């Protein structure tokens, strides 16, 4: 009777495979979530940098002068 009890408690091979698959899927989804969060943080940092960067008004004049053009 002990061997019958052990068989009922232990997961079947299919159940072990499904648990392993669930673990792999969970790891994959968590990895994608973390990568997406990293890309989002990087995008927000770049956006903040672009918004706070002050444009030098003389830079346009300088670039146009190098091309031989004048600003109006």
C-alpha atoms as a PDB file:
ATOM      1  CA  UNK A   1       0.000   0.000   0.000  1.00  0.00           C
ATOM      2  CA  UNK A   2       2.943   2.329   0.537  1.00  0.00           C
ATOM      3  CA  UNK A   3       4.025   2.092  -3.117  1.00  0.00           C
ATOM      4  CA  UNK A   4       0.491   2.982  -4.246  1.00  0.00           C
ATOM      5  CA  UNK A   5       0.545   6.064  -2.024  1.00  0.00           C
ATOM      6  CA  UNK A   6       3.894   7.192  -3.419  1.00  0.00           C
ATOM      7  CA  UNK A   7       2.613   6.957  -6.986  1.00  0.00           C
ATOM      8  CA  UNK A   8      -0.394   9.103  -6.170  1.00  0.00           C
ATOM      9  CA  UNK A   9       1.716  11.815  -4.553  1.00  0.00           C
ATOM     10  CA  UNK A  10       4.509  12.045  -7.131  1.00  0.00           C
ATOM     11  CA  UNK A  11       3.791  14.090 -10.285  1.00  0.00           C
ATOM     12  CA  UNK A  12       3.554  12.177 -13.523  1.00  0.00           C
ATOM     13  CA  UNK A  13       6.087  12.633 -16.304  1.00  0.00           C
ATOM     14  CA  UNK A  14       3.587  14.790 -18.208  1.00  0.00           C
ATOM     15  CA  UNK A  15       3.005  16.967 -15.155  1.00  0.00           C
ATOM     16  CA  UNK A  16       6.750  17.376 -14.613  1.00  0.00           C
ATOM     17  CA  UNK A  17       7.120  18.363 -18.264  1.00  0.00           C
ATOM     18  CA  UNK A  18       4.315  20.884 -17.960  1.00  0.00           C
ATOM     19  CA  UNK A  19       5.876  22.336 -14.801  1.00  0.00           C
ATOM     20  CA  UNK A  20       9.209  22.644 -16.600  1.00  0.00           C
ATOM     21  CA  UNK A  21       7.497  24.303 -19.583  1.00  0.00           C
ATOM     22  CA  UNK A  22       5.686  26.705 -17.255  1.00  0.00           C
ATOM     23  CA  UNK A  23       9.010  27.586 -15.617  1.00  0.00           C
ATOM     24  CA  UNK A  24      10.633  28.274 -18.983  1.00  0.00           C
ATOM     25  CA  UNK A  25       7.696  30.386 -20.121  1.00  0.00           C
ATOM     26  CA  UNK A  26       7.735  32.347 -16.882  1.00  0.00           C
ATOM     27  CA  UNK A  27      11.462  33.019 -17.223  1.00  0.00           C
ATOM     28  CA  UNK A  28      11.010  34.079 -20.854  1.00  0.00           C
ATOM     29  CA  UNK A  29       8.171  36.473 -20.026  1.00  0.00           C
ATOM     30  CA  UNK A  30      10.065  37.968 -17.073  1.00  0.00           C
ATOM     31  CA  UNK A  31      13.110  38.497 -19.300  1.00  0.00           C
ATOM     32  CA  UNK A  32      10.987  40.266 -21.926  1.00  0.00           C
ATOM     33  CA  UNK A  33       9.391  42.442 -19.252  1.00  0.00           C
ATOM     34  CA  UNK A  34      12.790  43.481 -17.875  1.00  0.00           C
ATOM     35  CA  UNK A  35      14.181  44.217 -21.362  1.00  0.00           C
ATOM     36  CA  UNK A  36      11.123  46.314 -22.183  1.00  0.00           C
ATOM     37  CA  UNK A  37      11.527  48.223 -18.904  1.00  0.00           C
ATOM     38  CA  UNK A  38      15.206  48.872 -19.695  1.00  0.00           C
ATOM     39  CA  UNK A  39      14.355  50.154 -23.183  1.00  0.00           C
ATOM     40  CA  UNK A  40      11.619  52.343 -21.729  1.00  0.00           C
ATOM     41  CA  UNK A  41      13.988  53.845 -19.164  1.00  0.00           C
ATOM     42  CA  UNK A  42      16.587  54.506 -21.865  1.00  0.00           C
ATOM     43  CA  UNK A  43      13.989  56.143 -24.097  1.00  0.00           C
ATOM     44  CA  UNK A  44      12.748  58.325 -21.257  1.00  0.00           C
ATOM     45  CA  UNK A  45      16.307  59.364 -20.379  1.00  0.00           C
ATOM     46  CA  UNK A  46      17.019  60.295 -23.999  1.00  0.00           C
ATOM     47  CA  UNK A  47      13.758  62.212 -24.233  1.00  0.00           C
ATOM     48  CA  UNK A  48      14.502  64.102 -21.011  1.00  0.00           C
ATOM     49  CA  UNK A  49      17.976  64.933 -22.286  1.00  0.00           C
ATOM     50  CA  UNK A  50      16.616  66.226 -25.580  1.00  0.00           C
ATOM     51  CA  UNK A  51      13.987  68.328 -23.842  1.00  0.00           C
ATOM     52  CA  UNK A  52      16.392  69.877 -21.352  1.00  0.00           C
ATOM     53  CA  UNK A  53      19.224  70.496 -23.800  1.00  0.00           C
ATOM     54  CA  UNK A  54      19.492  74.161 -24.663  1.00  0.00           C
ATOM     55  CA  UNK A  55      20.021  74.942 -28.317  1.00  0.00           C
ATOM     56  CA  UNK A  56      22.760  77.419 -29.065  1.00  0.00           C
ATOM     57  CA  UNK A  57      21.338  80.024 -31.465  1.00  0.00           C
ATOM     58  CA  UNK A  58      24.826  80.684 -32.805  1.00  0.00           C
ATOM     59  CA  UNK A  59      25.201  77.028 -33.825  1.00  0.00           C
ATOM     60  CA  UNK A  60      22.809  77.519 -36.747  1.00  0.00           C
ATOM     61  CA  UNK A  61      24.657  80.640 -37.868  1.00  0.00           C
ATOM     62  CA  UNK A  62      27.953  78.793 -37.609  1.00  0.00           C
ATOM     63  CA  UNK A  63      26.703  75.800 -39.628  1.00  0.00           C
ATOM     64  CA  UNK A  64      25.257  78.073 -42.310  1.00  0.00           C
ATOM     65  CA  UNK A  65      28.504  80.083 -42.462  1.00  0.00           C
ATOM     66  CA  UNK A  66      30.456  76.882 -43.035  1.00  0.00           C
ATOM     67  CA  UNK A  67      28.189  76.102 -45.976  1.00  0.00           C
ATOM     68  CA  UNK A  68      28.687  79.604 -47.354  1.00  0.00           C
ATOM     69  CA  UNK A  69      25.119  80.656 -46.666  1.00  0.00           C
ATOM     70  CA  UNK A  70      23.847  83.522 -44.583  1.00  0.00           C
ATOM     71  CA  UNK A  71      20.958  83.560 -42.216  1.00  0.00           C
ATOM     72  CA  UNK A  72      18.170  85.979 -42.896  1.00  0.00           C
END
